[in-house]
Amino acid sequence: MKIPKRVLISTVAAVVVLGIGGTVWATTASASDVDGGERERVANAATQAVPGTVEDVETSDDPGEAYEVEVRKADGTEVDVALDKDLKVVGQDASDSDDRVLSAAERASAEQAAVAAVGGGTVTSVEAGDDGVAYEVDVRDAANAEWNVDLDAGFKVLSKTADD
């Protein structure tokens, strides 16, 4: 049975496109934050050292560190916990004491405004801002792109930029 040239070319083109798409996805996924079961294991190790809510988990390129975990304690302060590849704590860095602690209502309003600004997604960080910005919010959208959203005191978007 002879396959028509146009079917063969279409099939090869589809395989090439799918192959490239898979490569792009793999590259993008490896550059993102830690996800899934690995994120849960790393987060649990960090909160054993610093009880609180995990805001962000990332791989680290610092010598002796494998992961960096941002933990928000019950009082609203944040601590960066560095873990090695065996999930042992190798460092802790408390956020600046100058940071204003946000109320639950402020945090919720900032999250809602930032998510609406990027058309949906998951908030990964909310902080009091500086230099004329009341709130700084990081959002991961449905396409796994990271956005930095700056808001004024009335939760109006001042700027939104895609994070590289």
N, C-alpha and C. Protein backbone atom coordinates (compact mmCIF):
# COMPACT_ATOMS: atom_id res chain seq x y z
N MET A 1 0.83 -1.17 0.00
CA MET A 1 0.00 0.00 0.00
C MET A 1 0.88 1.24 0.00
N LYS A 2 0.64 2.15 -0.89
CA LYS A 2 1.44 3.34 -1.05
C LYS A 2 0.77 4.50 -0.29
N ILE A 3 1.55 5.22 0.53
CA ILE A 3 1.03 6.34 1.30
C ILE A 3 1.19 7.61 0.46
N PRO A 4 0.10 8.36 0.29
CA PRO A 4 0.21 9.60 -0.48
C PRO A 4 1.21 10.55 0.15
N LYS A 5 1.94 11.28 -0.69
CA LYS A 5 2.98 12.20 -0.26
C LYS A 5 2.44 13.25 0.72
N ARG A 6 1.26 13.76 0.44
CA ARG A 6 0.70 14.82 1.29
C ARG A 6 0.40 14.28 2.70
N VAL A 7 -0.04 13.03 2.85
CA VAL A 7 -0.30 12.43 4.17
C VAL A 7 1.02 12.22 4.90
N LEU A 8 2.03 11.75 4.18
CA LEU A 8 3.33 11.51 4.78
C LEU A 8 3.94 12.82 5.29
N ILE A 9 3.90 13.87 4.49
CA ILE A 9 4.45 15.17 4.87
C ILE A 9 3.70 15.74 6.08
N SER A 10 2.37 15.62 6.06
CA SER A 10 1.57 16.10 7.20
C SER A 10 1.91 15.36 8.48
N THR A 11 2.10 14.06 8.38
CA THR A 11 2.43 13.25 9.55
C THR A 11 3.80 13.63 10.10
N VAL A 12 4.78 13.77 9.23
CA VAL A 12 6.12 14.17 9.66
C VAL A 12 6.08 15.55 10.30
N ALA A 13 5.35 16.48 9.71
CA ALA A 13 5.23 17.83 10.27
C ALA A 13 4.62 17.79 11.67
N ALA A 14 3.59 16.97 11.86
CA ALA A 14 2.94 16.86 13.16
C ALA A 14 3.90 16.30 14.20
N VAL A 15 4.68 15.30 13.82
CA VAL A 15 5.65 14.71 14.75
C VAL A 15 6.70 15.74 15.14
N VAL A 16 7.18 16.52 14.18
CA VAL A 16 8.18 17.54 14.46
C VAL A 16 7.61 18.59 15.40
N VAL A 17 6.40 19.07 15.13
CA VAL A 17 5.77 20.08 15.98
C VAL A 17 5.57 19.54 17.39
N LEU A 18 5.06 18.32 17.51
CA LEU A 18 4.86 17.73 18.83
C LEU A 18 6.18 17.52 19.55
N GLY A 19 7.19 17.13 18.84
CA GLY A 19 8.52 16.94 19.43
C GLY A 19 9.08 18.23 19.96
N ILE A 20 8.97 19.30 19.19
CA ILE A 20 9.45 20.61 19.62
C ILE A 20 8.63 21.09 20.80
N GLY A 21 7.30 20.93 20.73
CA GLY A 21 6.44 21.34 21.84
C GLY A 21 6.81 20.63 23.12
N GLY A 22 7.12 19.34 23.03
CA GLY A 22 7.52 18.58 24.21
C GLY A 22 8.82 19.10 24.77
N THR A 23 9.76 19.45 23.89
CA THR A 23 11.04 19.98 24.34
C THR A 23 10.85 21.32 25.03
N VAL A 24 10.05 22.19 24.46
CA VAL A 24 9.80 23.49 25.08
C VAL A 24 9.15 23.31 26.43
N TRP A 25 8.17 22.40 26.52
CA TRP A 25 7.51 22.16 27.80
C TRP A 25 8.50 21.67 28.84
N ALA A 26 9.37 20.74 28.45
CA ALA A 26 10.33 20.20 29.41
C ALA A 26 11.28 21.28 29.88
N THR A 27 11.71 22.15 28.96
CA THR A 27 12.60 23.23 29.34
C THR A 27 11.90 24.20 30.28
N THR A 28 10.67 24.55 29.97
CA THR A 28 9.92 25.47 30.82
C THR A 28 9.67 24.86 32.18
N ALA A 29 9.27 23.58 32.22
CA ALA A 29 8.95 22.94 33.49
C ALA A 29 10.18 22.87 34.38
N SER A 30 11.36 22.61 33.82
CA SER A 30 12.55 22.49 34.65
C SER A 30 12.98 23.83 35.22
N ALA A 31 12.59 24.93 34.58
CA ALA A 31 12.98 26.25 35.07
C ALA A 31 12.00 26.78 36.12
N SER A 32 10.89 26.09 36.34
CA SER A 32 9.88 26.60 37.26
C SER A 32 10.16 26.19 38.69
N ASP A 33 9.31 26.65 39.58
CA ASP A 33 9.40 26.27 40.98
C ASP A 33 9.24 24.77 41.15
N VAL A 34 9.55 24.29 42.33
CA VAL A 34 9.42 22.88 42.66
C VAL A 34 7.93 22.56 42.79
N ASP A 35 7.47 21.48 42.17
CA ASP A 35 6.06 21.13 42.15
C ASP A 35 5.83 19.71 42.67
N GLY A 36 4.55 19.39 42.87
CA GLY A 36 4.11 18.04 43.18
C GLY A 36 4.61 17.51 44.50
N GLY A 37 4.90 16.21 44.49
CA GLY A 37 5.34 15.52 45.70
C GLY A 37 6.66 16.04 46.23
N GLU A 38 7.54 16.44 45.32
CA GLU A 38 8.83 17.00 45.76
C GLU A 38 8.60 18.29 46.53
N ARG A 39 7.68 19.14 46.04
CA ARG A 39 7.37 20.39 46.73
C ARG A 39 6.85 20.10 48.13
N GLU A 40 5.99 19.11 48.25
CA GLU A 40 5.41 18.77 49.55
C GLU A 40 6.49 18.29 50.52
N ARG A 41 7.40 17.43 50.04
CA ARG A 41 8.49 16.94 50.91
C ARG A 41 9.38 18.09 51.39
N VAL A 42 9.74 18.98 50.46
CA VAL A 42 10.62 20.10 50.80
C VAL A 42 9.89 21.05 51.75
N ALA A 43 8.63 21.35 51.46
CA ALA A 43 7.85 22.25 52.32
C ALA A 43 7.72 21.69 53.73
N ASN A 44 7.46 20.39 53.84
CA ASN A 44 7.34 19.77 55.17
C ASN A 44 8.64 19.88 55.96
N ALA A 45 9.76 19.68 55.29
CA ALA A 45 11.06 19.80 55.96
C ALA A 45 11.28 21.22 56.46
N ALA A 46 10.91 22.20 55.65
CA ALA A 46 11.11 23.60 56.05
C ALA A 46 10.21 23.98 57.22
N THR A 47 8.95 23.53 57.19
CA THR A 47 8.02 23.90 58.27
C THR A 47 8.28 23.12 59.55
N GLN A 48 9.08 22.07 59.49
CA GLN A 48 9.53 21.42 60.73
C GLN A 48 10.47 22.36 61.47
N ALA A 49 11.28 23.11 60.71
CA ALA A 49 12.22 24.05 61.31
C ALA A 49 11.56 25.37 61.67
N VAL A 50 10.66 25.83 60.80
CA VAL A 50 9.97 27.11 61.01
C VAL A 50 8.48 26.88 60.76
N PRO A 51 7.71 26.68 61.83
CA PRO A 51 6.27 26.45 61.64
C PRO A 51 5.60 27.64 60.95
N GLY A 52 4.73 27.34 59.98
CA GLY A 52 4.02 28.38 59.27
C GLY A 52 3.49 27.87 57.95
N THR A 53 3.16 28.81 57.07
CA THR A 53 2.61 28.50 55.76
C THR A 53 3.68 28.71 54.70
N VAL A 54 3.88 27.72 53.86
CA VAL A 54 4.88 27.82 52.81
C VAL A 54 4.33 28.71 51.70
N GLU A 55 5.07 29.76 51.38
CA GLU A 55 4.70 30.70 50.32
C GLU A 55 5.32 30.32 48.99
N ASP A 56 6.56 29.81 49.02
CA ASP A 56 7.27 29.53 47.78
C ASP A 56 8.34 28.48 48.03
N VAL A 57 8.55 27.60 47.05
CA VAL A 57 9.62 26.60 47.10
C VAL A 57 10.35 26.66 45.76
N GLU A 58 11.64 26.84 45.81
CA GLU A 58 12.44 26.93 44.59
C GLU A 58 13.72 26.13 44.77
N THR A 59 14.30 25.72 43.65
CA THR A 59 15.64 25.14 43.71
C THR A 59 16.62 26.28 43.92
N SER A 60 17.76 25.95 44.50
CA SER A 60 18.77 26.96 44.79
C SER A 60 20.04 26.67 43.99
N ASP A 61 20.70 27.74 43.57
CA ASP A 61 21.99 27.57 42.90
C ASP A 61 23.14 28.01 43.81
N ASP A 62 22.82 28.29 45.08
CA ASP A 62 23.85 28.67 46.04
C ASP A 62 24.61 27.43 46.50
N PRO A 63 25.91 27.54 46.70
CA PRO A 63 26.71 26.39 47.13
C PRO A 63 26.18 25.80 48.44
N GLY A 64 26.04 24.48 48.48
CA GLY A 64 25.60 23.80 49.69
C GLY A 64 24.10 23.79 49.89
N GLU A 65 23.36 24.48 49.02
CA GLU A 65 21.90 24.54 49.12
C GLU A 65 21.27 23.86 47.92
N ALA A 66 20.18 23.14 48.16
CA ALA A 66 19.42 22.54 47.06
C ALA A 66 18.09 23.25 46.88
N TYR A 67 17.53 23.77 47.99
CA TYR A 67 16.21 24.39 47.95
C TYR A 67 16.18 25.66 48.79
N GLU A 68 15.32 26.59 48.37
CA GLU A 68 15.02 27.79 49.15
C GLU A 68 13.51 27.81 49.36
N VAL A 69 13.09 27.92 50.62
CA VAL A 69 11.67 27.88 50.96
C VAL A 69 11.31 29.14 51.74
N GLU A 70 10.26 29.83 51.28
CA GLU A 70 9.79 31.02 51.97
C GLU A 70 8.59 30.61 52.83
N VAL A 71 8.73 30.80 54.16
CA VAL A 71 7.69 30.40 55.11
C VAL A 71 7.14 31.65 55.79
N ARG A 72 5.80 31.78 55.80
CA ARG A 72 5.13 32.87 56.53
C ARG A 72 4.66 32.33 57.86
N LYS A 73 5.18 32.91 58.94
CA LYS A 73 4.81 32.48 60.28
C LYS A 73 3.43 33.05 60.63
N ALA A 74 2.85 32.55 61.71
CA ALA A 74 1.51 32.97 62.14
C ALA A 74 1.43 34.46 62.40
N ASP A 75 2.53 35.09 62.82
CA ASP A 75 2.52 36.53 63.09
C ASP A 75 2.67 37.38 61.83
N GLY A 76 2.79 36.72 60.67
CA GLY A 76 2.89 37.44 59.40
C GLY A 76 4.31 37.67 58.93
N THR A 77 5.30 37.43 59.78
CA THR A 77 6.68 37.60 59.35
C THR A 77 7.08 36.43 58.47
N GLU A 78 8.10 36.65 57.65
CA GLU A 78 8.54 35.62 56.74
C GLU A 78 9.98 35.23 57.02
N VAL A 79 10.25 33.94 56.82
CA VAL A 79 11.60 33.41 57.01
C VAL A 79 11.95 32.61 55.76
N ASP A 80 13.15 32.85 55.23
CA ASP A 80 13.66 32.07 54.12
C ASP A 80 14.48 30.92 54.72
N VAL A 81 14.10 29.69 54.37
CA VAL A 81 14.77 28.51 54.89
C VAL A 81 15.53 27.85 53.75
N ALA A 82 16.83 27.64 53.94
CA ALA A 82 17.66 26.98 52.95
C ALA A 82 17.86 25.53 53.37
N LEU A 83 17.65 24.60 52.43
CA LEU A 83 17.81 23.18 52.69
C LEU A 83 18.83 22.57 51.74
N ASP A 84 19.54 21.55 52.22
CA ASP A 84 20.46 20.85 51.33
C ASP A 84 19.72 19.72 50.61
N LYS A 85 20.43 18.93 49.82
CA LYS A 85 19.79 17.87 49.02
C LYS A 85 19.15 16.79 49.89
N ASP A 86 19.60 16.67 51.15
CA ASP A 86 19.03 15.69 52.08
C ASP A 86 17.91 16.30 52.93
N LEU A 87 17.49 17.52 52.57
CA LEU A 87 16.42 18.27 53.26
C LEU A 87 16.78 18.65 54.68
N LYS A 88 18.07 18.84 54.92
CA LYS A 88 18.53 19.35 56.21
C LYS A 88 18.67 20.86 56.10
N VAL A 89 18.26 21.57 57.14
CA VAL A 89 18.33 23.04 57.15
C VAL A 89 19.79 23.46 57.20
N VAL A 90 20.19 24.30 56.24
CA VAL A 90 21.55 24.83 56.21
C VAL A 90 21.58 26.33 56.43
N GLY A 91 20.39 26.94 56.56
CA GLY A 91 20.34 28.37 56.84
C GLY A 91 18.92 28.88 56.98
N GLN A 92 18.79 29.95 57.75
CA GLN A 92 17.51 30.64 57.90
C GLN A 92 17.78 32.13 57.87
N ASP A 93 16.90 32.85 57.19
CA ASP A 93 17.07 34.30 57.09
C ASP A 93 15.71 34.94 57.30
N ALA A 94 15.55 35.63 58.45
CA ALA A 94 14.29 36.31 58.74
C ALA A 94 14.17 37.53 57.84
N SER A 95 12.94 37.80 57.41
CA SER A 95 12.69 38.98 56.59
C SER A 95 13.03 40.23 57.39
N ASP A 96 13.26 41.31 56.68
CA ASP A 96 13.55 42.58 57.35
C ASP A 96 12.45 42.93 58.33
N SER A 97 12.81 43.41 59.49
CA SER A 97 11.81 43.78 60.49
C SER A 97 11.03 45.02 60.07
N ASP A 98 11.50 45.74 59.03
CA ASP A 98 10.79 46.92 58.54
C ASP A 98 9.54 46.54 57.74
N ASP A 99 9.43 45.28 57.30
CA ASP A 99 8.29 44.86 56.50
C ASP A 99 7.01 44.97 57.31
N ARG A 100 6.04 45.60 56.72
CA ARG A 100 4.73 45.74 57.37
C ARG A 100 3.98 44.43 57.22
N VAL A 101 3.42 43.95 58.32
CA VAL A 101 2.64 42.72 58.30
C VAL A 101 1.25 43.05 57.75
N LEU A 102 0.80 42.30 56.76
CA LEU A 102 -0.50 42.53 56.14
C LEU A 102 -1.60 41.83 56.93
N SER A 103 -2.74 42.48 57.00
CA SER A 103 -3.90 41.83 57.62
C SER A 103 -4.45 40.80 56.64
N ALA A 104 -5.29 39.92 57.16
CA ALA A 104 -5.91 38.90 56.30
C ALA A 104 -6.76 39.57 55.22
N ALA A 105 -7.45 40.65 55.56
CA ALA A 105 -8.29 41.36 54.58
C ALA A 105 -7.44 42.01 53.50
N GLU A 106 -6.32 42.63 53.89
CA GLU A 106 -5.42 43.23 52.90
C GLU A 106 -4.87 42.17 51.96
N ARG A 107 -4.43 41.08 52.55
CA ARG A 107 -3.85 39.98 51.76
C ARG A 107 -4.88 39.45 50.76
N ALA A 108 -6.11 39.21 51.21
CA ALA A 108 -7.17 38.67 50.34
C ALA A 108 -7.50 39.64 49.21
N SER A 109 -7.59 40.94 49.53
CA SER A 109 -7.91 41.94 48.50
C SER A 109 -6.78 42.07 47.48
N ALA A 110 -5.55 42.03 47.95
CA ALA A 110 -4.40 42.13 47.04
C ALA A 110 -4.35 40.90 46.14
N GLU A 111 -4.59 39.72 46.71
CA GLU A 111 -4.59 38.49 45.91
C GLU A 111 -5.66 38.55 44.83
N GLN A 112 -6.86 38.97 45.22
CA GLN A 112 -7.98 39.03 44.27
C GLN A 112 -7.68 39.99 43.13
N ALA A 113 -7.16 41.17 43.45
CA ALA A 113 -6.86 42.16 42.42
C ALA A 113 -5.76 41.68 41.48
N ALA A 114 -4.73 41.04 42.02
CA ALA A 114 -3.61 40.59 41.19
C ALA A 114 -4.03 39.44 40.27
N VAL A 115 -4.79 38.49 40.80
CA VAL A 115 -5.26 37.37 39.98
C VAL A 115 -6.14 37.89 38.85
N ALA A 116 -7.02 38.84 39.15
CA ALA A 116 -7.89 39.42 38.11
C ALA A 116 -7.04 40.14 37.06
N ALA A 117 -5.96 40.78 37.48
CA ALA A 117 -5.12 41.54 36.56
C ALA A 117 -4.44 40.66 35.52
N VAL A 118 -4.12 39.42 35.89
CA VAL A 118 -3.44 38.54 34.93
C VAL A 118 -4.39 37.51 34.32
N GLY A 119 -5.67 37.61 34.64
CA GLY A 119 -6.66 36.74 34.02
C GLY A 119 -6.76 35.36 34.65
N GLY A 120 -6.44 35.27 35.94
CA GLY A 120 -6.54 34.00 36.66
C GLY A 120 -5.17 33.46 37.00
N GLY A 121 -5.14 32.54 37.96
CA GLY A 121 -3.89 31.92 38.35
C GLY A 121 -3.83 31.70 39.84
N THR A 122 -2.61 31.46 40.33
CA THR A 122 -2.36 31.16 41.73
C THR A 122 -1.37 32.17 42.29
N VAL A 123 -1.71 32.77 43.42
CA VAL A 123 -0.81 33.71 44.07
C VAL A 123 0.30 32.92 44.77
N THR A 124 1.55 33.32 44.53
CA THR A 124 2.68 32.66 45.17
C THR A 124 3.30 33.51 46.26
N SER A 125 3.01 34.82 46.25
CA SER A 125 3.58 35.70 47.27
C SER A 125 2.81 37.02 47.31
N VAL A 126 2.59 37.53 48.53
CA VAL A 126 1.98 38.86 48.73
C VAL A 126 2.80 39.55 49.80
N GLU A 127 3.25 40.76 49.51
CA GLU A 127 4.05 41.51 50.47
C GLU A 127 3.66 42.98 50.44
N ALA A 128 3.91 43.66 51.54
CA ALA A 128 3.77 45.11 51.56
C ALA A 128 4.86 45.66 50.65
N GLY A 129 4.51 46.68 49.89
CA GLY A 129 5.46 47.25 48.94
C GLY A 129 6.22 48.43 49.50
N ASP A 130 7.00 49.05 48.64
CA ASP A 130 7.73 50.26 48.97
C ASP A 130 7.85 51.10 47.71
N ASP A 131 8.44 52.27 47.82
CA ASP A 131 8.62 53.17 46.68
C ASP A 131 7.32 53.48 45.95
N GLY A 132 6.26 53.82 46.70
CA GLY A 132 4.99 54.21 46.10
C GLY A 132 4.08 53.05 45.74
N VAL A 133 4.51 51.84 46.01
CA VAL A 133 3.71 50.64 45.75
C VAL A 133 3.23 50.12 47.10
N ALA A 134 1.92 49.94 47.26
CA ALA A 134 1.40 49.47 48.55
C ALA A 134 1.54 47.96 48.70
N TYR A 135 1.33 47.22 47.60
CA TYR A 135 1.37 45.76 47.66
C TYR A 135 2.12 45.21 46.45
N GLU A 136 2.93 44.20 46.68
CA GLU A 136 3.64 43.49 45.62
C GLU A 136 3.15 42.05 45.65
N VAL A 137 2.58 41.60 44.51
CA VAL A 137 1.99 40.27 44.45
C VAL A 137 2.60 39.50 43.28
N ASP A 138 2.98 38.25 43.55
CA ASP A 138 3.48 37.36 42.50
C ASP A 138 2.39 36.34 42.21
N VAL A 139 2.10 36.15 40.90
CA VAL A 139 1.05 35.23 40.47
C VAL A 139 1.59 34.31 39.40
N ARG A 140 1.26 33.02 39.50
CA ARG A 140 1.57 32.05 38.45
C ARG A 140 0.26 31.81 37.70
N ASP A 141 0.24 32.13 36.38
CA ASP A 141 -1.00 31.98 35.61
C ASP A 141 -1.18 30.54 35.14
N ALA A 142 -2.28 30.28 34.44
CA ALA A 142 -2.62 28.93 33.99
C ALA A 142 -1.57 28.35 33.06
N ALA A 143 -0.83 29.20 32.35
CA ALA A 143 0.22 28.74 31.44
C ALA A 143 1.56 28.59 32.17
N ASN A 144 1.54 28.71 33.51
CA ASN A 144 2.71 28.57 34.37
C ASN A 144 3.69 29.73 34.23
N ALA A 145 3.23 30.86 33.69
CA ALA A 145 4.06 32.06 33.60
C ALA A 145 3.96 32.81 34.93
N GLU A 146 5.07 33.39 35.36
CA GLU A 146 5.12 34.16 36.60
C GLU A 146 4.90 35.64 36.31
N TRP A 147 4.06 36.29 37.10
CA TRP A 147 3.77 37.71 36.95
C TRP A 147 4.05 38.43 38.25
N ASN A 148 4.61 39.64 38.14
CA ASN A 148 4.78 40.54 39.28
C ASN A 148 3.74 41.64 39.11
N VAL A 149 2.86 41.78 40.10
CA VAL A 149 1.80 42.78 40.03
C VAL A 149 1.97 43.75 41.19
N ASP A 150 2.07 45.04 40.88
CA ASP A 150 2.17 46.09 41.89
C ASP A 150 0.82 46.78 42.00
N LEU A 151 0.38 46.99 43.26
CA LEU A 151 -0.93 47.59 43.52
C LEU A 151 -0.78 48.83 44.41
N ASP A 152 -1.71 49.78 44.25
CA ASP A 152 -1.71 50.93 45.14
C ASP A 152 -2.52 50.58 46.40
N ALA A 153 -2.69 51.53 47.30
CA ALA A 153 -3.37 51.29 48.58
C ALA A 153 -4.84 50.92 48.38
N GLY A 154 -5.44 51.32 47.25
CA GLY A 154 -6.82 50.98 46.94
C GLY A 154 -6.95 49.70 46.11
N PHE A 155 -5.85 48.95 45.98
CA PHE A 155 -5.78 47.68 45.24
C PHE A 155 -5.96 47.87 43.73
N LYS A 156 -5.63 49.06 43.24
CA LYS A 156 -5.62 49.33 41.81
C LYS A 156 -4.26 48.91 41.26
N VAL A 157 -4.26 48.28 40.08
CA VAL A 157 -3.02 47.80 39.47
C VAL A 157 -2.20 48.99 38.98
N LEU A 158 -0.97 49.08 39.47
CA LEU A 158 -0.04 50.10 39.02
C LEU A 158 0.81 49.58 37.87
N SER A 159 1.17 48.29 37.97
CA SER A 159 1.94 47.65 36.89
C SER A 159 1.82 46.14 37.03
N LYS A 160 2.00 45.47 35.89
CA LYS A 160 2.11 44.01 35.90
C LYS A 160 3.15 43.65 34.85
N THR A 161 4.10 42.82 35.26
CA THR A 161 5.15 42.43 34.34
C THR A 161 5.39 40.93 34.45
N ALA A 162 5.65 40.34 33.29
CA ALA A 162 5.98 38.92 33.25
C ALA A 162 7.39 38.75 33.80
N ASP A 163 7.57 37.78 34.64
CA ASP A 163 8.86 37.50 35.24
C ASP A 163 9.61 36.55 34.33
N ASP A 164 10.87 36.86 34.04
CA ASP A 164 11.66 36.01 33.13
C ASP A 164 12.16 34.80 33.83
